[in-house]
Structures are given as structure tokens and as C-alpha cells.
């Protein structure tokens, strides 16, 4: 499922800005608080986002600059990764590099647009939940994440992606329903 914005670069820019706002808002004393991701702290959530983005560019023979340590400065580590990824996505030749992905032939830009932007929204919520920030996911982002999750079907349940769906009342709001489908208790 593609984003509602024109390009993967634009979609990433928008969602990375929202994720950045959350990262920058984490109180210094809360980086080691437990997150909704089993066994992960808030710092680990940011580490995961950084590590996975650093990995995906390597499948098309690219590399992101080495960020500062997440242990020392998670805000700077995320900013360096975000800026490096944005630079790649802003270059159509780099974003258009093809590779054989889990679902067949694709491009780096399409993969970032779907899976890694998905992570920015979902892990943004995880970070907010862990650290006492506003957990609200904007309606358009929530609808988009729900659509991606539906498209992924059972693949969303593979190891390391999302846990089993959580039951919620029939009258639960959309954010609660989407997060429950992703194995999270809102």
C-alpha cells in the first residue's frame, strides 16, 4: 500500500518529523523506561528504528553515516539517521534502486514508504506510551497504518514484527482497534 503523499521522500519527511518531535520530547530521565515492546526500553525503540533503517539501505549497496551512540545521545543518533535516509530518498536514482524483497522485486523507496514509515508511526506510539508523551496518532496516519497492516495480513505476525491481536470492546475507537490489531494495548 502506498502512502497518500506524492513520493516516498515526502511521506518519510512527514512521518520522520512526527517521530522526531516525540524523540525530542522524551524527558531525559525516561529513556530507560519500559516500552510496550516486550523487553525494550524507550531507548531500545529508537535503537530499533535506527538499526532497521541503517540495514535496509545496505540491501541496495548504500550506507547511512554512522550516527552518534544511542546510549549516549538518542536524539542525535536519530537525527543523523533520519537526515541520512532523507538524503537517499530525495535522490530518485538512489530511492529507485531495486532489489528482491520479501514480497518480490521492489525499490528502496517503496520499502521505506511502506514498512519503515509504518515503523515510524507505530514505534512513535510505543515511544510515547513508554515515556508519558501524547499518544495520539493523527487520523490520516492511523488510517494509513491500518491499511498497511491489513495488506500485510498474517505477515504482520512474523517473529519480531507484531504480536497476536488484542481483544477490544466493539465500541473501541479507531486508534485502539488498530493498535490492538498490532498486538498493543492502548
N, C-alpha and C. Protein backbone atom coordinates (compact mmCIF):
# COMPACT_ATOMS: atom_id res chain seq x y z
N UNK A 1 0.85 -1.18 0.00
CA UNK A 1 0.00 0.00 0.00
C UNK A 1 0.90 1.23 0.00
N UNK A 2 0.64 2.11 -0.90
CA UNK A 2 1.45 3.33 -0.97
C UNK A 2 0.86 4.41 -0.08
N UNK A 3 1.69 5.38 0.18
CA UNK A 3 1.27 6.48 1.05
C UNK A 3 0.30 7.39 0.33
N UNK A 4 -0.29 8.29 1.08
CA UNK A 4 -1.21 9.24 0.50
C UNK A 4 -0.49 10.48 -0.01
N UNK A 5 0.79 10.57 0.24
CA UNK A 5 1.57 11.70 -0.26
C UNK A 5 2.17 11.34 -1.61
N UNK A 6 2.76 12.31 -2.29
CA UNK A 6 3.24 12.08 -3.65
C UNK A 6 4.39 11.09 -3.76
N UNK A 7 5.35 11.16 -2.90
CA UNK A 7 6.56 10.36 -3.06
C UNK A 7 6.96 9.71 -1.74
N UNK A 8 7.76 8.64 -1.83
CA UNK A 8 8.30 8.08 -0.59
C UNK A 8 9.08 9.13 0.21
N UNK A 9 9.81 10.00 -0.48
CA UNK A 9 10.59 11.03 0.21
C UNK A 9 9.69 11.96 1.01
N UNK A 10 8.58 12.37 0.43
CA UNK A 10 7.65 13.27 1.12
C UNK A 10 6.97 12.57 2.30
N UNK A 11 6.59 11.32 2.10
CA UNK A 11 5.94 10.57 3.17
C UNK A 11 6.90 10.37 4.35
N UNK A 12 8.11 9.99 4.03
CA UNK A 12 9.12 9.80 5.08
C UNK A 12 9.37 11.13 5.80
N UNK A 13 9.52 12.21 5.05
CA UNK A 13 9.78 13.53 5.67
C UNK A 13 8.68 13.86 6.69
N UNK A 14 7.43 13.64 6.30
CA UNK A 14 6.30 13.94 7.18
C UNK A 14 6.33 13.07 8.44
N UNK A 15 6.44 11.77 8.26
CA UNK A 15 6.38 10.87 9.42
C UNK A 15 7.64 10.95 10.27
N UNK A 16 8.79 11.17 9.64
CA UNK A 16 10.03 11.33 10.41
C UNK A 16 9.97 12.59 11.26
N UNK A 17 9.34 13.64 10.76
CA UNK A 17 9.20 14.86 11.56
C UNK A 17 8.35 14.60 12.80
N UNK A 18 7.29 13.82 12.65
CA UNK A 18 6.44 13.49 13.79
C UNK A 18 7.18 12.60 14.79
N UNK A 19 7.92 11.63 14.27
CA UNK A 19 8.72 10.77 15.14
C UNK A 19 9.78 11.60 15.86
N UNK A 20 10.42 12.51 15.13
CA UNK A 20 11.45 13.38 15.71
C UNK A 20 10.87 14.20 16.86
N UNK A 21 9.69 14.72 16.68
CA UNK A 21 9.07 15.52 17.74
C UNK A 21 8.93 14.69 19.02
N UNK A 22 8.55 13.44 18.85
CA UNK A 22 8.42 12.57 20.03
C UNK A 22 9.78 12.27 20.64
N UNK A 23 10.75 11.94 19.80
CA UNK A 23 12.10 11.65 20.30
C UNK A 23 12.64 12.85 21.07
N UNK A 24 12.48 14.02 20.51
CA UNK A 24 13.00 15.23 21.16
C UNK A 24 12.25 15.59 22.44
N UNK A 25 11.03 15.05 22.60
CA UNK A 25 10.21 15.37 23.78
C UNK A 25 10.39 14.41 24.94
N UNK A 26 11.13 13.33 24.73
CA UNK A 26 11.32 12.35 25.80
C UNK A 26 12.10 13.00 26.95
N UNK A 27 11.54 12.98 28.16
CA UNK A 27 12.28 13.51 29.30
C UNK A 27 13.56 12.67 29.52
N UNK A 28 14.65 13.33 29.82
CA UNK A 28 15.95 12.66 29.97
C UNK A 28 15.89 11.48 30.92
N UNK A 29 15.11 11.58 31.96
CA UNK A 29 15.04 10.52 32.96
C UNK A 29 14.18 9.33 32.53
N UNK A 30 13.56 9.40 31.33
CA UNK A 30 12.62 8.35 30.92
C UNK A 30 13.13 7.46 29.80
N UNK A 31 14.36 7.66 29.34
CA UNK A 31 14.88 6.86 28.23
C UNK A 31 14.98 5.38 28.56
N UNK A 32 15.12 5.03 29.82
CA UNK A 32 15.25 3.62 30.19
C UNK A 32 13.95 3.03 30.71
N UNK A 33 12.84 3.75 30.54
CA UNK A 33 11.53 3.23 30.93
C UNK A 33 11.11 2.12 29.96
N UNK A 34 10.36 1.17 30.47
CA UNK A 34 9.87 0.05 29.65
C UNK A 34 8.90 0.55 28.59
N UNK A 35 9.01 -0.05 27.41
CA UNK A 35 8.10 0.28 26.31
C UNK A 35 7.07 -0.84 26.16
N UNK A 36 6.06 -0.64 25.33
CA UNK A 36 5.10 -1.72 25.06
C UNK A 36 5.72 -2.90 24.30
N UNK A 37 6.90 -2.72 23.75
CA UNK A 37 7.62 -3.80 23.05
C UNK A 37 8.33 -4.63 24.10
N UNK A 38 7.93 -5.87 24.23
CA UNK A 38 8.42 -6.74 25.29
C UNK A 38 9.94 -6.74 25.39
N UNK A 39 10.44 -6.36 26.57
CA UNK A 39 11.87 -6.38 26.84
C UNK A 39 12.62 -5.15 26.34
N UNK A 40 11.94 -4.20 25.75
CA UNK A 40 12.59 -3.00 25.21
C UNK A 40 12.29 -1.78 26.07
N UNK A 41 13.29 -0.92 26.20
CA UNK A 41 13.10 0.40 26.82
C UNK A 41 12.76 1.41 25.72
N UNK A 42 12.47 2.61 26.12
CA UNK A 42 12.25 3.69 25.16
C UNK A 42 13.48 3.85 24.26
N UNK A 43 14.65 3.81 24.87
CA UNK A 43 15.91 3.92 24.12
C UNK A 43 16.02 2.79 23.09
N UNK A 44 15.61 1.58 23.48
CA UNK A 44 15.66 0.43 22.58
C UNK A 44 14.74 0.61 21.37
N UNK A 45 13.60 1.26 21.58
CA UNK A 45 12.68 1.52 20.46
C UNK A 45 13.39 2.39 19.43
N UNK A 46 14.04 3.46 19.89
CA UNK A 46 14.76 4.34 18.97
C UNK A 46 15.93 3.59 18.33
N UNK A 47 16.61 2.79 19.11
CA UNK A 47 17.72 1.99 18.58
C UNK A 47 17.22 1.07 17.44
N UNK A 48 16.08 0.44 17.65
CA UNK A 48 15.49 -0.44 16.64
C UNK A 48 15.19 0.32 15.35
N UNK A 49 14.56 1.47 15.49
CA UNK A 49 14.23 2.27 14.30
C UNK A 49 15.52 2.63 13.56
N UNK A 50 16.52 3.05 14.27
CA UNK A 50 17.81 3.41 13.65
C UNK A 50 18.45 2.19 12.99
N UNK A 51 18.53 1.09 13.72
CA UNK A 51 19.20 -0.10 13.19
C UNK A 51 18.51 -0.64 11.95
N UNK A 52 17.18 -0.66 11.95
CA UNK A 52 16.49 -1.20 10.78
C UNK A 52 16.63 -0.28 9.57
N UNK A 53 16.63 1.02 9.79
CA UNK A 53 16.83 1.93 8.67
C UNK A 53 18.26 1.84 8.14
N UNK A 54 19.21 1.67 9.04
CA UNK A 54 20.61 1.51 8.60
C UNK A 54 20.77 0.21 7.80
N UNK A 55 20.02 -0.82 8.19
CA UNK A 55 20.10 -2.09 7.48
C UNK A 55 19.50 -2.01 6.07
N UNK A 56 18.29 -1.47 5.94
CA UNK A 56 17.58 -1.58 4.66
C UNK A 56 18.35 -0.92 3.52
N UNK A 57 19.08 0.12 3.77
CA UNK A 57 19.82 0.76 2.67
C UNK A 57 20.95 -0.13 2.17
N UNK A 58 21.42 -1.03 3.01
CA UNK A 58 22.53 -1.90 2.60
C UNK A 58 22.10 -2.92 1.56
N UNK A 59 20.81 -3.24 1.48
CA UNK A 59 20.36 -4.23 0.50
C UNK A 59 20.48 -3.70 -0.93
N UNK A 60 20.65 -2.39 -1.06
CA UNK A 60 20.86 -1.79 -2.39
C UNK A 60 22.24 -1.12 -2.45
N UNK A 61 23.16 -1.63 -1.64
CA UNK A 61 24.56 -1.18 -1.64
C UNK A 61 24.73 0.30 -1.30
N UNK A 62 23.90 0.78 -0.38
CA UNK A 62 24.06 2.14 0.14
C UNK A 62 24.39 2.03 1.62
N UNK A 63 24.73 3.16 2.20
CA UNK A 63 25.10 3.18 3.61
C UNK A 63 24.68 4.52 4.20
N UNK A 64 24.19 4.48 5.42
CA UNK A 64 23.91 5.71 6.15
C UNK A 64 25.14 6.07 6.97
N UNK A 65 25.39 7.36 7.17
CA UNK A 65 26.53 7.75 8.01
C UNK A 65 26.38 7.16 9.41
N UNK A 66 27.50 6.85 10.03
CA UNK A 66 27.48 6.31 11.39
C UNK A 66 26.92 7.38 12.34
N UNK A 67 25.84 7.05 13.05
CA UNK A 67 25.27 8.05 13.97
C UNK A 67 26.01 8.04 15.30
N UNK A 68 25.77 9.07 16.11
CA UNK A 68 26.27 9.02 17.49
C UNK A 68 25.64 7.81 18.19
N UNK A 69 26.17 7.43 19.31
CA UNK A 69 25.64 6.30 20.07
C UNK A 69 24.25 6.60 20.61
N UNK A 70 23.34 5.65 20.45
CA UNK A 70 22.00 5.78 21.02
C UNK A 70 22.09 5.79 22.54
N UNK A 71 23.08 5.10 23.08
CA UNK A 71 23.25 5.07 24.54
C UNK A 71 23.65 6.44 25.08
N UNK A 72 24.47 7.16 24.32
CA UNK A 72 24.93 8.47 24.77
C UNK A 72 23.96 9.61 24.42
N UNK A 73 23.37 9.55 23.22
CA UNK A 73 22.52 10.64 22.76
C UNK A 73 21.50 10.13 21.74
N UNK A 74 20.38 9.59 22.23
CA UNK A 74 19.38 9.03 21.30
C UNK A 74 18.80 10.07 20.35
N UNK A 75 18.70 11.31 20.79
CA UNK A 75 18.16 12.37 19.93
C UNK A 75 19.10 12.61 18.74
N UNK A 76 20.38 12.77 19.00
CA UNK A 76 21.35 13.00 17.93
C UNK A 76 21.50 11.76 17.04
N UNK A 77 21.43 10.58 17.64
CA UNK A 77 21.53 9.34 16.86
C UNK A 77 20.38 9.25 15.87
N UNK A 78 19.17 9.55 16.33
CA UNK A 78 18.02 9.51 15.43
C UNK A 78 18.15 10.60 14.36
N UNK A 79 18.53 11.80 14.74
CA UNK A 79 18.63 12.90 13.77
C UNK A 79 19.62 12.56 12.65
N UNK A 80 20.75 11.95 12.99
CA UNK A 80 21.74 11.59 11.97
C UNK A 80 21.18 10.54 11.02
N UNK A 81 20.48 9.57 11.57
CA UNK A 81 19.89 8.51 10.74
C UNK A 81 18.79 9.08 9.84
N UNK A 82 17.92 9.88 10.43
CA UNK A 82 16.83 10.50 9.67
C UNK A 82 17.37 11.33 8.53
N UNK A 83 18.36 12.16 8.80
CA UNK A 83 18.91 13.02 7.77
C UNK A 83 19.57 12.23 6.66
N UNK A 84 20.28 11.16 7.02
CA UNK A 84 20.91 10.31 6.02
C UNK A 84 19.88 9.61 5.14
N UNK A 85 18.82 9.09 5.76
CA UNK A 85 17.77 8.42 4.99
C UNK A 85 17.05 9.43 4.10
N UNK A 86 16.79 10.61 4.61
CA UNK A 86 16.09 11.61 3.80
C UNK A 86 16.93 11.99 2.58
N UNK A 87 18.22 12.11 2.76
CA UNK A 87 19.11 12.43 1.63
C UNK A 87 19.02 11.35 0.56
N UNK A 88 19.00 10.10 0.96
CA UNK A 88 18.87 9.00 0.00
C UNK A 88 17.52 9.06 -0.71
N UNK A 89 16.46 9.23 0.04
CA UNK A 89 15.11 9.26 -0.55
C UNK A 89 14.89 10.45 -1.47
N UNK A 90 15.57 11.55 -1.17
CA UNK A 90 15.43 12.75 -2.01
C UNK A 90 16.14 12.60 -3.36
N UNK A 91 16.95 11.57 -3.51
CA UNK A 91 17.64 11.30 -4.77
C UNK A 91 16.90 10.16 -5.47
N UNK A 92 16.13 10.46 -6.53
CA UNK A 92 15.34 9.42 -7.20
C UNK A 92 16.17 8.22 -7.66
N UNK A 93 17.41 8.45 -8.05
CA UNK A 93 18.24 7.33 -8.50
C UNK A 93 18.54 6.37 -7.34
N UNK A 94 18.79 6.92 -6.16
CA UNK A 94 19.06 6.06 -5.01
C UNK A 94 17.77 5.43 -4.48
N UNK A 95 16.71 6.21 -4.35
CA UNK A 95 15.43 5.68 -3.88
C UNK A 95 14.88 4.63 -4.83
N UNK A 96 15.21 4.74 -6.09
CA UNK A 96 14.71 3.81 -7.10
C UNK A 96 15.53 2.55 -7.28
N UNK A 97 16.58 2.40 -6.49
CA UNK A 97 17.38 1.17 -6.60
C UNK A 97 16.52 -0.04 -6.27
N UNK A 98 16.61 -1.06 -7.11
CA UNK A 98 15.79 -2.25 -6.97
C UNK A 98 16.51 -3.37 -6.24
N UNK A 99 15.72 -4.24 -5.64
CA UNK A 99 16.24 -5.45 -5.01
C UNK A 99 15.08 -6.44 -4.88
N UNK A 100 15.41 -7.68 -4.58
CA UNK A 100 14.40 -8.71 -4.38
C UNK A 100 14.02 -8.73 -2.91
N UNK A 101 12.82 -8.23 -2.62
CA UNK A 101 12.34 -8.16 -1.24
C UNK A 101 11.49 -9.36 -0.86
N UNK A 102 10.96 -9.31 0.32
CA UNK A 102 10.13 -10.39 0.87
C UNK A 102 8.91 -10.68 -0.02
N UNK A 103 8.39 -9.64 -0.66
CA UNK A 103 7.19 -9.79 -1.49
C UNK A 103 7.51 -9.67 -2.98
N UNK A 104 8.77 -9.83 -3.36
CA UNK A 104 9.16 -9.76 -4.76
C UNK A 104 10.02 -8.54 -5.05
N UNK A 105 10.22 -8.27 -6.34
CA UNK A 105 11.07 -7.17 -6.78
C UNK A 105 10.45 -5.85 -6.35
N UNK A 106 11.26 -4.98 -5.79
CA UNK A 106 10.77 -3.69 -5.31
C UNK A 106 11.92 -2.69 -5.32
N UNK A 107 11.65 -1.50 -4.84
CA UNK A 107 12.68 -0.47 -4.73
C UNK A 107 12.87 -0.08 -3.27
N UNK A 108 14.02 0.51 -3.01
CA UNK A 108 14.27 1.02 -1.66
C UNK A 108 13.19 2.01 -1.27
N UNK A 109 12.85 2.93 -2.16
CA UNK A 109 11.85 3.95 -1.84
C UNK A 109 10.51 3.34 -1.46
N UNK A 110 10.06 2.34 -2.22
CA UNK A 110 8.78 1.70 -1.90
C UNK A 110 8.83 1.00 -0.55
N UNK A 111 9.95 0.35 -0.26
CA UNK A 111 10.08 -0.34 1.02
C UNK A 111 10.06 0.65 2.17
N UNK A 112 10.78 1.73 2.05
CA UNK A 112 10.78 2.74 3.10
C UNK A 112 9.38 3.34 3.24
N UNK A 113 8.75 3.63 2.11
CA UNK A 113 7.42 4.24 2.11
C UNK A 113 6.42 3.38 2.86
N UNK A 114 6.51 2.08 2.69
CA UNK A 114 5.55 1.20 3.35
C UNK A 114 6.01 0.76 4.73
N UNK A 115 7.05 -0.02 4.80
CA UNK A 115 7.43 -0.67 6.05
C UNK A 115 8.12 0.27 7.04
N UNK A 116 9.03 1.07 6.58
CA UNK A 116 9.79 1.89 7.52
C UNK A 116 9.01 3.12 7.96
N UNK A 117 8.15 3.62 7.10
CA UNK A 117 7.24 4.69 7.54
C UNK A 117 6.21 4.14 8.51
N UNK A 118 5.75 2.92 8.28
CA UNK A 118 4.86 2.21 9.20
C UNK A 118 5.50 2.16 10.59
N UNK A 119 6.78 1.79 10.62
CA UNK A 119 7.52 1.74 11.90
C UNK A 119 7.56 3.09 12.59
N UNK A 120 7.71 4.15 11.83
CA UNK A 120 7.78 5.48 12.44
C UNK A 120 6.49 5.81 13.19
N UNK A 121 5.37 5.44 12.62
CA UNK A 121 4.09 5.72 13.27
C UNK A 121 3.91 4.81 14.49
N UNK A 122 4.06 3.51 14.29
CA UNK A 122 3.80 2.56 15.37
C UNK A 122 4.81 2.72 16.50
N UNK A 123 6.09 2.82 16.16
CA UNK A 123 7.09 2.98 17.22
C UNK A 123 7.06 4.38 17.82
N UNK A 124 6.51 5.34 17.11
CA UNK A 124 6.27 6.65 17.71
C UNK A 124 5.26 6.54 18.85
N UNK A 125 4.24 5.72 18.62
CA UNK A 125 3.26 5.47 19.68
C UNK A 125 3.93 4.71 20.84
N UNK A 126 4.73 3.69 20.51
CA UNK A 126 5.43 2.93 21.55
C UNK A 126 6.27 3.87 22.42
N UNK A 127 6.98 4.77 21.78
CA UNK A 127 7.84 5.72 22.49
C UNK A 127 7.00 6.64 23.38
N UNK A 128 5.90 7.12 22.84
CA UNK A 128 5.02 7.99 23.63
C UNK A 128 4.45 7.25 24.83
N UNK A 129 4.02 6.02 24.62
CA UNK A 129 3.45 5.23 25.71
C UNK A 129 4.50 5.00 26.80
N UNK A 130 5.72 4.70 26.39
CA UNK A 130 6.79 4.40 27.35
C UNK A 130 7.17 5.61 28.19
N UNK A 131 7.05 6.79 27.62
CA UNK A 131 7.63 7.97 28.27
C UNK A 131 6.62 9.02 28.72
N UNK A 132 5.34 8.69 28.63
CA UNK A 132 4.32 9.61 29.12
C UNK A 132 4.00 10.76 28.19
N UNK A 133 4.32 10.64 26.91
CA UNK A 133 4.01 11.69 25.94
C UNK A 133 2.60 11.51 25.41
N UNK A 134 2.12 12.48 24.66
CA UNK A 134 0.82 12.38 24.00
C UNK A 134 0.88 11.20 23.03
N UNK A 135 -0.04 10.26 23.17
CA UNK A 135 -0.05 9.04 22.38
C UNK A 135 -0.92 9.13 21.13
N UNK A 136 -1.52 10.26 20.89
CA UNK A 136 -2.44 10.39 19.77
C UNK A 136 -1.72 10.23 18.44
N UNK A 137 -2.26 9.35 17.60
CA UNK A 137 -1.77 9.17 16.24
C UNK A 137 -2.71 9.96 15.33
N UNK A 138 -2.18 10.87 14.50
CA UNK A 138 -3.06 11.63 13.61
C UNK A 138 -3.94 10.70 12.77
N UNK A 139 -5.19 11.12 12.55
CA UNK A 139 -6.19 10.28 11.88
C UNK A 139 -5.71 9.74 10.53
N UNK A 140 -5.10 10.57 9.70
CA UNK A 140 -4.64 10.11 8.38
C UNK A 140 -3.56 9.05 8.53
N UNK A 141 -2.65 9.24 9.47
CA UNK A 141 -1.58 8.27 9.70
C UNK A 141 -2.16 6.96 10.22
N UNK A 142 -3.14 7.06 11.09
CA UNK A 142 -3.77 5.88 11.66
C UNK A 142 -4.49 5.06 10.59
N UNK A 143 -5.22 5.75 9.73
CA UNK A 143 -5.92 5.07 8.63
C UNK A 143 -4.92 4.39 7.71
N UNK A 144 -3.83 5.09 7.41
CA UNK A 144 -2.80 4.53 6.54
C UNK A 144 -2.16 3.30 7.18
N UNK A 145 -1.79 3.38 8.46
CA UNK A 145 -1.18 2.24 9.17
C UNK A 145 -2.15 1.05 9.18
N UNK A 146 -3.41 1.31 9.44
CA UNK A 146 -4.41 0.23 9.43
C UNK A 146 -4.48 -0.44 8.08
N UNK A 147 -4.41 0.34 7.01
CA UNK A 147 -4.44 -0.22 5.66
C UNK A 147 -3.21 -1.07 5.35
N UNK A 148 -2.04 -0.59 5.77
CA UNK A 148 -0.81 -1.37 5.57
C UNK A 148 -0.90 -2.67 6.35
N UNK A 149 -1.36 -2.60 7.58
CA UNK A 149 -1.47 -3.80 8.41
C UNK A 149 -2.42 -4.81 7.78
N UNK A 150 -3.54 -4.34 7.26
CA UNK A 150 -4.49 -5.24 6.59
C UNK A 150 -3.85 -5.88 5.36
N UNK A 151 -3.13 -5.09 4.59
CA UNK A 151 -2.48 -5.60 3.38
C UNK A 151 -1.44 -6.67 3.73
N UNK A 152 -0.73 -6.49 4.83
CA UNK A 152 0.29 -7.45 5.24
C UNK A 152 -0.32 -8.76 5.72
N UNK A 153 -1.56 -8.70 6.20
CA UNK A 153 -2.24 -9.92 6.65
C UNK A 153 -1.44 -10.66 7.70
N UNK A 154 -1.32 -11.97 7.54
CA UNK A 154 -0.63 -12.80 8.53
C UNK A 154 0.86 -12.48 8.61
N UNK A 155 1.43 -11.85 7.59
CA UNK A 155 2.85 -11.49 7.63
C UNK A 155 3.16 -10.52 8.76
N UNK A 156 2.14 -9.82 9.25
CA UNK A 156 2.33 -8.87 10.35
C UNK A 156 2.67 -9.63 11.64
N UNK A 157 2.35 -10.91 11.68
CA UNK A 157 2.56 -11.73 12.87
C UNK A 157 3.89 -12.48 12.87
N UNK A 158 4.74 -12.26 11.88
CA UNK A 158 6.02 -12.97 11.86
C UNK A 158 6.88 -12.50 13.03
N UNK A 159 7.80 -13.34 13.43
CA UNK A 159 8.66 -13.04 14.57
C UNK A 159 9.32 -11.68 14.43
N UNK A 160 9.24 -10.89 15.49
CA UNK A 160 9.88 -9.59 15.51
C UNK A 160 9.08 -8.47 14.89
N UNK A 161 7.88 -8.76 14.38
CA UNK A 161 7.07 -7.70 13.78
C UNK A 161 5.99 -7.29 14.78
N UNK A 162 4.89 -7.99 14.82
CA UNK A 162 3.82 -7.68 15.77
C UNK A 162 3.35 -8.95 16.45
N UNK A 163 2.90 -8.82 17.67
CA UNK A 163 2.37 -9.95 18.40
C UNK A 163 0.94 -10.24 18.00
N UNK A 164 0.32 -11.18 18.68
CA UNK A 164 -1.06 -11.52 18.39
C UNK A 164 -1.98 -10.32 18.64
N UNK A 165 -3.06 -10.27 17.90
CA UNK A 165 -4.04 -9.20 18.10
C UNK A 165 -4.60 -9.27 19.51
N UNK A 166 -4.96 -8.12 20.04
CA UNK A 166 -5.52 -7.99 21.37
C UNK A 166 -7.01 -7.72 21.22
N UNK A 167 -7.84 -8.38 22.04
CA UNK A 167 -9.28 -8.13 22.00
C UNK A 167 -9.59 -6.76 22.58
N UNK A 168 -10.53 -6.06 21.93
CA UNK A 168 -11.01 -4.77 22.42
C UNK A 168 -12.53 -4.75 22.33
N UNK A 169 -13.17 -3.89 23.10
CA UNK A 169 -14.63 -3.78 23.02
C UNK A 169 -15.08 -3.35 21.62
N UNK A 170 -16.27 -3.72 21.24
CA UNK A 170 -16.82 -3.39 19.92
C UNK A 170 -16.88 -1.89 19.68
N UNK A 171 -17.03 -1.12 20.76
CA UNK A 171 -17.15 0.33 20.60
C UNK A 171 -15.81 1.07 20.75
N UNK A 172 -14.70 0.34 20.69
CA UNK A 172 -13.38 0.97 20.82
C UNK A 172 -13.14 1.94 19.67
N UNK A 173 -12.40 3.01 19.96
CA UNK A 173 -12.09 3.98 18.91
C UNK A 173 -11.09 3.39 17.91
N UNK A 174 -10.91 4.07 16.78
CA UNK A 174 -10.07 3.54 15.71
C UNK A 174 -8.62 3.31 16.16
N UNK A 175 -8.06 4.25 16.92
CA UNK A 175 -6.67 4.07 17.35
C UNK A 175 -6.54 2.82 18.22
N UNK A 176 -7.46 2.62 19.13
CA UNK A 176 -7.42 1.44 19.99
C UNK A 176 -7.55 0.17 19.15
N UNK A 177 -8.44 0.17 18.15
CA UNK A 177 -8.64 -1.01 17.30
C UNK A 177 -7.39 -1.31 16.47
N UNK A 178 -6.79 -0.28 15.86
CA UNK A 178 -5.60 -0.50 15.03
C UNK A 178 -4.45 -1.00 15.89
N UNK A 179 -4.23 -0.35 17.03
CA UNK A 179 -3.14 -0.78 17.90
C UNK A 179 -3.37 -2.20 18.42
N UNK A 180 -4.61 -2.55 18.71
CA UNK A 180 -4.93 -3.90 19.17
C UNK A 180 -4.63 -4.92 18.08
N UNK A 181 -4.94 -4.58 16.84
CA UNK A 181 -4.62 -5.48 15.72
C UNK A 181 -3.11 -5.70 15.64
N UNK A 182 -2.34 -4.68 16.03
CA UNK A 182 -0.88 -4.76 16.00
C UNK A 182 -0.32 -5.36 17.29
N UNK A 183 -1.20 -5.87 18.16
CA UNK A 183 -0.75 -6.53 19.38
C UNK A 183 -0.45 -5.60 20.53
N UNK A 184 -0.98 -4.38 20.46
CA UNK A 184 -0.70 -3.40 21.51
C UNK A 184 -1.96 -3.06 22.28
N UNK A 185 -1.79 -2.83 23.57
CA UNK A 185 -2.91 -2.45 24.43
C UNK A 185 -2.87 -0.94 24.61
N UNK A 186 -3.85 -0.28 24.03
CA UNK A 186 -3.89 1.19 24.10
C UNK A 186 -4.42 1.68 25.44
